[in-house]
């Protein structure tokens, strides 16, 4: 299981810190998971593909303690993301779409 504190991937302004390479790819994956799991509008962003196997979109939900828990159904890689609240990818306060 990957245990991630999202702030470890962010710079002082709150943007993704790593500029390139594997660290950038891992950071991008985590912020995409946060955006997907925190969107409560009913029009959630598509779940990102697993960074490890790239075969399947991950399943991600908010846990009872507000961490985001994700898992890949194809390769069973999983993780937990904390300290995502208030980040640029926290979409939990986004207004619901009227329909």
Protein backbone atom coordinates (compact mmCIF):
# COMPACT_ATOMS: atom_id res chain seq x y z
CA UNK A 1 0.00 0.00 0.00
CA UNK A 2 1.22 3.48 -0.91
CA UNK A 3 0.76 5.89 2.00
CA UNK A 4 0.96 9.44 0.69
CA UNK A 5 0.87 12.87 2.28
CA UNK A 6 -0.11 15.03 -0.70
CA UNK A 7 1.81 18.03 0.64
CA UNK A 8 5.06 16.14 0.06
CA UNK A 9 4.47 16.50 -3.70
CA UNK A 10 3.60 20.20 -3.59
CA UNK A 11 5.74 23.33 -3.61
CA UNK A 12 5.22 26.37 -1.36
CA UNK A 13 2.59 27.82 -3.70
CA UNK A 14 0.59 24.58 -3.66
CA UNK A 15 1.46 23.53 -7.21
CA UNK A 16 3.05 20.20 -8.12
CA UNK A 17 6.68 20.41 -7.02
CA UNK A 18 8.50 17.83 -9.17
CA UNK A 19 9.10 19.19 -12.66
CA UNK A 20 9.82 15.98 -14.58
CA UNK A 21 10.57 12.30 -14.32
CA UNK A 22 9.01 9.61 -12.15
CA UNK A 23 8.36 11.99 -9.24
CA UNK A 24 6.31 14.26 -11.52
CA UNK A 25 4.33 11.29 -12.87
CA UNK A 26 3.61 10.05 -9.35
CA UNK A 27 2.58 13.52 -8.19
CA UNK A 28 0.27 13.93 -11.19
CA UNK A 29 -1.34 10.56 -10.51
CA UNK A 30 -2.03 11.50 -6.88
CA UNK A 31 -3.54 14.91 -7.65
CA UNK A 32 -5.72 13.28 -10.33
CA UNK A 33 -6.97 10.76 -7.76
CA UNK A 34 -7.72 13.60 -5.32
CA UNK A 35 -9.66 15.57 -7.95
CA UNK A 36 -11.66 12.48 -8.91
CA UNK A 37 -12.48 11.37 -5.37
CA UNK A 38 -13.23 14.81 -3.93
CA UNK A 39 -15.65 15.95 -6.65
CA UNK A 40 -19.14 15.62 -5.16
CA UNK A 41 -21.05 17.26 -8.02
CA UNK A 42 -22.21 14.03 -9.58
CA UNK A 43 -20.14 14.84 -12.66
CA UNK A 44 -16.85 13.62 -11.24
CA UNK A 45 -13.73 13.70 -13.35
CA UNK A 46 -12.75 10.37 -14.83
CA UNK A 47 -10.61 8.24 -12.54
CA UNK A 48 -6.96 8.13 -13.56
CA UNK A 49 -5.36 4.95 -14.84
CA UNK A 50 -3.18 3.06 -12.42
CA UNK A 51 0.37 4.43 -12.48
CA UNK A 52 1.78 0.93 -12.06
CA UNK A 53 -0.01 -1.32 -14.57
CA UNK A 54 -1.72 1.37 -16.69
CA UNK A 55 -4.43 -1.20 -17.49
CA UNK A 56 -7.35 0.06 -15.47
CA UNK A 57 -8.80 3.17 -13.91
CA UNK A 58 -8.40 3.18 -10.15
CA UNK A 59 -11.34 3.17 -7.78
CA UNK A 60 -11.12 5.98 -5.24
CA UNK A 61 -13.31 7.01 -2.30
CA UNK A 62 -13.10 9.17 0.78
CA UNK A 63 -12.57 7.11 3.92
CA UNK A 64 -14.28 7.73 7.26
CA UNK A 65 -11.26 9.78 8.42
CA UNK A 66 -11.33 11.89 5.20
CA UNK A 67 -8.26 10.26 3.66
CA UNK A 68 -8.70 9.18 0.06
CA UNK A 69 -8.32 5.45 -0.45
CA UNK A 70 -7.69 4.14 -3.93
CA UNK A 71 -7.17 0.73 -5.53
CA UNK A 72 -6.51 -0.69 -8.97
CA UNK A 73 -8.87 -3.57 -9.75
CA UNK A 74 -6.45 -4.98 -12.35
CA UNK A 75 -3.15 -5.22 -10.44
CA UNK A 76 -4.45 -4.67 -6.88
CA UNK A 77 -2.04 -1.80 -6.19
CA UNK A 78 -3.63 0.45 -3.61
CA UNK A 79 -2.97 3.53 -1.57
CA UNK A 80 -4.13 6.15 0.86
CA UNK A 81 -3.75 9.92 0.42
CA UNK A 82 -3.86 12.34 3.35
CA UNK A 83 -3.55 16.12 3.67
CA UNK A 84 -5.30 16.77 0.36
CA UNK A 85 -7.98 19.07 1.80
CA UNK A 86 -7.56 22.65 0.66
CA UNK A 87 -5.18 21.72 -2.17
CA UNK A 88 -5.74 22.98 -5.69
CA UNK A 89 -7.24 19.56 -6.53
CA UNK A 90 -9.73 19.50 -3.66
CA UNK A 91 -13.04 19.80 -5.49
CA UNK A 92 -15.25 19.09 -2.48
CA UNK A 93 -16.46 22.70 -2.23
CA UNK A 94 -17.26 22.98 -5.91
CA UNK A 95 -20.89 24.01 -6.51
CA UNK A 96 -23.21 21.29 -7.70
CA UNK A 97 -24.34 21.55 -11.31
CA UNK A 98 -27.96 22.51 -11.80
CA UNK A 99 -29.88 20.21 -14.01
